[in-house]
Amino acid sequence: MSRVGLGLVVLATLGATTSARAETRPKPNHHRFYVRGGALHVSSLAVSRELELADIDGPASLAVKNGPLAGSGSSIASATVPAATIGYVLPVMHGRLSLETMIGLPFTAKFRATGTLANESIAPMVLGIPTGVPALGPELGEAKAAPPMVTAVYQLHHGGTIRPYAGGGLTVLLAYDAHVTNPILTQVRQPKFEITPAPGLVLQAGVEAKLWKNLYARLDVKFIAFMLARAKVTHIEVKTPELPLFDTVEVGTAKMSVWVNPLIVQGGVGFDF
């Protein structure tokens, strides 16, 4: 074989090897941002402590005492709102690791009374005389709530049509515009309702399915642990229609502590950019 022919064979072999390596080398993922829009449903797996009464004095001290109200409790109702997830793929770990946050409309957190707080009068008798104060019923109050959060998400299976993932992060429950809605507690005047910020730990899992090119559908589940919401209602005054000397009595302050433990299920569709 001539030198020219041998050179052509070598060049052809090198070209084929380079082409094979190029075909087997994974294509870099240049999509750093992604958005998934849809809706989320928040269910509170609440566990509450007993309602605690405080700052009781004057005539009210003849009917109720400072301290826990035996058998009482509270809960938070479920809610569904529009929401979206925004994520950024970090340039590490071959594009498997992302940072995410969730944005959406604030949802209404409705506080419910349970146990003796809902079914029995908080001040039934004064010195053996009925007060006429009825049971509160299930409705207590409500507030607008927004839980900003940041999570780190790791893709368990990178690439392909189906992409399962798991992650975790931090959040805090911020409540505003809190007000009492119970008709018995607001009959005389509007009490003051305060809710302190409640931090929590986010555990996350979900799956994405490729629909077309960069279009994906997502089902996401988050459980928020160690989130203790503390609420306080002050300046409570109720009517006492059966007491001869008092038309109303100021009860004092009610304190509630609820382990919220929300379960958030979110579905959405969106693009990688």
Protein backbone atom coordinates (compact mmCIF):
# COMPACT_ATOMS: atom_id res chain seq x y z
CA MET A 1 0.00 0.00 0.00
CA SER A 2 1.32 3.44 -0.87
CA ARG A 3 2.03 6.11 1.71
CA VAL A 4 -0.89 8.15 0.42
CA GLY A 5 -3.28 5.22 0.78
CA LEU A 6 -1.99 4.44 4.28
CA GLY A 7 -2.51 8.07 5.30
CA LEU A 8 -6.08 8.05 4.04
CA VAL A 9 -6.82 4.89 6.04
CA VAL A 10 -5.38 6.45 9.21
CA LEU A 11 -7.38 9.65 8.73
CA ALA A 12 -10.56 7.69 8.07
CA THR A 13 -10.01 5.62 11.22
CA LEU A 14 -9.38 8.71 13.36
CA GLY A 15 -12.46 10.41 11.91
CA ALA A 16 -14.65 7.41 12.65
CA THR A 17 -13.33 7.18 16.23
CA THR A 18 -13.91 10.90 16.83
CA SER A 19 -17.41 10.68 15.37
CA ALA A 20 -18.27 7.68 17.57
CA ARG A 21 -17.02 9.49 20.66
CA ALA A 22 -19.07 12.56 19.72
CA GLU A 23 -22.19 10.42 19.29
CA THR A 24 -21.76 8.66 22.66
CA ARG A 25 -20.86 11.83 24.61
CA PRO A 26 -24.02 13.16 26.38
CA LYS A 27 -25.25 16.47 25.12
CA PRO A 28 -24.93 19.23 27.70
CA ASN A 29 -28.19 20.54 29.13
CA HIS A 30 -28.32 24.29 28.59
CA HIS A 31 -31.77 24.70 30.15
CA ARG A 32 -31.05 26.34 33.50
CA PHE A 33 -34.51 27.66 34.40
CA TYR A 34 -37.89 25.97 34.50
CA VAL A 35 -41.46 26.97 35.39
CA ARG A 36 -44.44 24.76 36.22
CA GLY A 37 -47.84 26.46 36.58
CA GLY A 38 -51.01 24.94 37.98
CA ALA A 39 -52.75 24.62 41.34
CA LEU A 40 -51.98 23.35 44.82
CA HIS A 41 -54.09 21.91 47.61
CA VAL A 42 -53.10 22.44 51.24
CA SER A 43 -54.38 19.97 53.84
CA SER A 44 -53.46 20.60 57.46
CA LEU A 45 -52.66 17.48 59.48
CA ALA A 46 -53.05 19.63 62.58
CA VAL A 47 -52.46 18.54 66.15
CA SER A 48 -53.41 21.23 68.66
CA ARG A 49 -52.79 21.85 72.30
CA GLU A 50 -55.62 22.84 74.63
CA LEU A 51 -56.78 26.44 74.43
CA GLU A 52 -55.22 28.47 77.24
CA LEU A 53 -57.02 31.37 78.94
CA ALA A 54 -55.03 34.23 80.49
CA ASP A 55 -55.40 37.75 81.90
CA ILE A 56 -58.76 36.93 83.48
CA ASP A 57 -59.86 39.30 86.25
CA GLY A 58 -62.97 41.05 87.58
CA PRO A 59 -66.38 39.36 87.21
CA ALA A 60 -65.03 36.90 84.63
CA SER A 61 -62.79 35.34 87.29
CA LEU A 62 -65.93 34.05 89.01
CA ALA A 63 -66.79 31.94 85.93
CA VAL A 64 -63.46 30.91 84.35
CA LYS A 65 -59.87 30.55 85.49
CA ASN A 66 -56.49 31.19 83.90
CA GLY A 67 -54.99 28.08 82.33
CA PRO A 68 -55.87 25.37 79.79
CA LEU A 69 -59.51 24.77 78.89
CA ALA A 70 -59.92 21.01 79.37
CA GLY A 71 -60.87 19.06 76.24
CA SER A 72 -60.55 22.07 73.92
CA GLY A 73 -58.69 22.19 70.64
CA SER A 74 -58.41 23.90 67.27
CA SER A 75 -57.65 23.02 63.65
CA ILE A 76 -57.03 24.70 60.29
CA ALA A 77 -59.23 24.05 57.25
CA SER A 78 -57.92 22.92 53.84
CA ALA A 79 -57.51 25.30 50.89
CA THR A 80 -56.86 25.20 47.12
CA VAL A 81 -55.18 28.08 45.20
CA PRO A 82 -53.39 28.72 41.87
CA ALA A 83 -49.63 28.34 42.18
CA ALA A 84 -46.41 27.95 40.21
CA THR A 85 -42.94 26.52 40.79
CA ILE A 86 -39.82 28.31 39.57
CA GLY A 87 -36.54 26.39 39.51
CA TYR A 88 -32.87 26.88 38.65
CA VAL A 89 -30.63 23.97 37.66
CA LEU A 90 -27.28 24.31 39.40
CA PRO A 91 -24.12 23.82 37.26
CA VAL A 92 -23.00 20.89 39.44
CA MET A 93 -23.69 17.15 39.72
CA HIS A 94 -24.33 16.88 35.96
CA GLY A 95 -27.47 19.01 36.14
CA ARG A 96 -29.27 16.76 38.63
CA LEU A 97 -29.50 19.33 41.46
CA SER A 98 -31.87 22.31 41.40
CA LEU A 99 -33.11 25.06 43.67
CA GLU A 100 -36.84 25.73 43.68
CA THR A 101 -39.33 28.17 45.12
CA MET A 102 -43.10 28.23 44.99
CA ILE A 103 -45.20 31.29 44.25
CA GLY A 104 -48.95 31.66 44.34
CA LEU A 105 -51.91 33.57 45.64
CA PRO A 106 -52.12 33.76 49.45
CA PHE A 107 -54.65 31.27 50.77
CA THR A 108 -57.19 31.79 53.54
CA ALA A 109 -56.32 29.86 56.69
CA LYS A 110 -59.55 29.24 58.57
CA PHE A 111 -59.19 28.36 62.25
CA ARG A 112 -61.78 25.96 63.64
CA ALA A 113 -62.72 25.19 67.23
CA THR A 114 -62.85 21.54 68.30
CA GLY A 115 -63.81 19.63 71.43
CA THR A 116 -65.22 21.52 74.40
CA LEU A 117 -64.23 24.86 72.84
CA ALA A 118 -66.84 24.29 70.12
CA ASN A 119 -69.45 22.32 72.05
CA GLU A 120 -69.54 23.88 75.54
CA SER A 121 -69.83 27.41 76.90
CA ILE A 122 -66.51 28.91 77.98
CA ALA A 123 -68.31 30.59 80.95
CA PRO A 124 -71.52 28.69 81.73
CA MET A 125 -72.05 29.67 85.39
CA VAL A 126 -71.20 32.48 87.85
CA LEU A 127 -71.71 31.59 91.53
CA GLY A 128 -74.26 28.99 90.51
CA ILE A 129 -76.16 31.38 88.23
CA PRO A 130 -76.29 30.58 84.46
CA THR A 131 -74.64 33.26 82.33
CA GLY A 132 -76.47 32.52 79.11
CA VAL A 133 -73.16 32.45 77.17
CA PRO A 134 -73.67 29.77 74.47
CA ALA A 135 -71.15 27.35 72.99
CA LEU A 136 -68.94 28.97 70.36
CA GLY A 137 -69.49 26.43 67.59
CA PRO A 138 -66.79 25.46 65.07
CA GLU A 139 -65.95 28.88 63.62
CA LEU A 140 -63.13 30.88 65.23
CA GLY A 141 -61.32 33.18 62.79
CA GLU A 142 -59.30 33.41 59.62
CA ALA A 143 -56.18 34.99 58.16
CA LYS A 144 -54.40 35.32 54.85
CA ALA A 145 -51.38 33.02 54.79
CA ALA A 146 -48.29 32.84 52.57
CA PRO A 147 -45.61 30.16 53.09
CA PRO A 148 -42.48 31.27 51.16
CA MET A 149 -40.11 28.34 50.78
CA VAL A 150 -36.86 27.25 49.17
CA THR A 151 -36.01 23.61 48.46
CA ALA A 152 -33.10 21.72 46.94
CA VAL A 153 -34.28 19.04 44.49
CA TYR A 154 -32.27 16.06 43.23
CA GLN A 155 -33.33 14.12 40.11
CA LEU A 156 -33.23 10.42 40.89
CA HIS A 157 -33.33 9.53 37.18
CA HIS A 158 -31.73 12.11 34.90
CA GLY A 159 -32.97 12.38 31.35
CA GLY A 160 -35.62 10.26 29.70
CA THR A 161 -39.38 10.72 29.59
CA ILE A 162 -40.05 10.17 33.30
CA ARG A 163 -38.02 12.07 35.92
CA PRO A 164 -38.65 11.24 39.59
CA TYR A 165 -37.06 13.51 42.18
CA ALA A 166 -36.76 14.13 45.92
CA GLY A 167 -35.69 17.11 47.98
CA GLY A 168 -35.98 19.20 51.10
CA GLY A 169 -35.74 22.74 52.36
CA LEU A 170 -37.09 25.42 54.66
CA THR A 171 -40.26 27.50 54.85
CA VAL A 172 -42.05 29.91 57.16
CA LEU A 173 -45.78 30.52 57.54
CA LEU A 174 -46.52 34.25 57.40
CA ALA A 175 -50.05 35.33 58.32
CA TYR A 176 -51.67 38.73 57.97
CA ASP A 177 -55.14 40.31 58.03
CA ALA A 178 -56.08 37.98 60.90
CA HIS A 179 -59.53 38.58 62.36
CA VAL A 180 -62.05 36.75 64.52
CA THR A 181 -65.18 35.61 62.65
CA ASN A 182 -67.08 33.83 65.44
CA PRO A 183 -70.43 35.65 65.90
CA ILE A 184 -70.43 35.19 69.69
CA LEU A 185 -66.92 36.56 70.16
CA THR A 186 -67.61 39.55 67.87
CA GLN A 187 -71.11 40.37 69.14
CA VAL A 188 -69.90 43.05 71.57
CA ARG A 189 -66.72 44.20 69.81
CA GLN A 190 -64.02 42.88 67.50
CA PRO A 191 -61.22 41.16 69.47
CA LYS A 192 -57.62 41.43 68.34
CA PHE A 193 -56.26 38.30 66.58
CA GLU A 194 -52.49 37.81 66.22
CA ILE A 195 -50.53 34.94 64.63
CA THR A 196 -46.75 34.73 64.95
CA PRO A 197 -44.55 33.52 62.02
CA ALA A 198 -44.07 29.73 62.09
CA PRO A 199 -40.94 28.17 60.50
CA GLY A 200 -40.94 24.59 59.24
CA LEU A 201 -38.91 21.87 57.51
CA VAL A 202 -39.98 20.86 53.99
CA LEU A 203 -39.79 17.26 52.73
CA GLN A 204 -40.47 16.96 49.00
CA ALA A 205 -40.99 14.25 46.37
CA GLY A 206 -42.54 14.11 42.92
CA VAL A 207 -42.29 13.10 39.31
CA GLU A 208 -42.16 14.87 35.95
CA ALA A 209 -43.25 13.51 32.58
CA LYS A 210 -42.05 14.87 29.25
CA LEU A 211 -44.97 15.83 27.04
CA TRP A 212 -43.28 17.46 24.04
CA LYS A 213 -39.77 18.85 23.55
CA ASN A 214 -39.22 21.10 26.60
CA LEU A 215 -42.81 20.81 27.87
CA TYR A 216 -43.26 18.81 31.10
CA ALA A 217 -46.10 17.86 33.43
CA ARG A 218 -45.40 17.61 37.16
CA LEU A 219 -46.99 16.11 40.26
CA ASP A 220 -45.36 17.35 43.46
CA VAL A 221 -45.95 16.49 47.12
CA LYS A 222 -44.55 18.43 50.07
CA PHE A 223 -44.90 17.71 53.78
CA ILE A 224 -43.97 20.48 56.21
CA ALA A 225 -42.82 19.25 59.61
CA PHE A 226 -42.16 21.01 62.93
CA MET A 227 -44.39 23.99 62.04
CA LEU A 228 -45.96 25.31 65.25
CA ALA A 229 -48.44 28.14 64.72
CA ARG A 230 -49.13 30.27 67.78
CA ALA A 231 -52.22 32.50 67.81
CA LYS A 232 -53.54 34.89 70.43
CA VAL A 233 -56.95 36.54 70.76
CA THR A 234 -57.10 39.51 73.14
CA HIS A 235 -59.85 41.83 74.43
CA ILE A 236 -62.54 39.16 74.32
CA GLU A 237 -65.88 40.42 75.57
CA VAL A 238 -69.11 38.39 75.47
CA LYS A 239 -72.74 39.04 76.29
CA THR A 240 -74.17 37.43 79.45
CA PRO A 241 -77.93 37.70 78.86
CA GLU A 242 -78.98 35.74 81.97
CA LEU A 243 -76.87 37.59 84.56
CA PRO A 244 -78.94 40.25 86.34
CA LEU A 245 -76.10 42.71 87.08
CA PHE A 246 -73.88 42.37 83.99
CA ASP A 247 -74.83 42.79 80.36
CA THR A 248 -71.33 41.83 79.13
CA VAL A 249 -68.17 40.36 80.66
CA GLU A 250 -64.59 40.68 79.41
CA VAL A 251 -63.11 37.19 79.36
CA GLY A 252 -59.46 38.14 78.80
CA THR A 253 -56.99 36.46 76.42
CA ALA A 254 -57.13 33.13 74.59
CA LYS A 255 -53.93 31.46 73.35
CA MET A 256 -53.81 28.68 70.76
CA SER A 257 -50.86 26.53 69.68
CA VAL A 258 -51.30 24.26 66.66
CA TRP A 259 -48.80 21.90 65.03
CA VAL A 260 -49.96 22.70 61.49
CA ASN A 261 -48.05 19.94 59.60
CA PRO A 262 -49.41 20.90 56.13
CA LEU A 263 -49.49 18.39 53.27
CA ILE A 264 -49.22 20.24 49.94
CA VAL A 265 -50.13 18.50 46.68
CA GLN A 266 -49.33 20.50 43.55
CA GLY A 267 -49.93 19.74 39.89
CA GLY A 268 -48.74 21.77 36.94
CA VAL A 269 -47.41 22.00 33.40
CA GLY A 270 -44.52 24.13 32.14
CA PHE A 271 -41.32 24.58 30.17
CA ASP A 272 -37.57 24.28 30.65
CA PHE A 273 -35.74 27.39 29.44
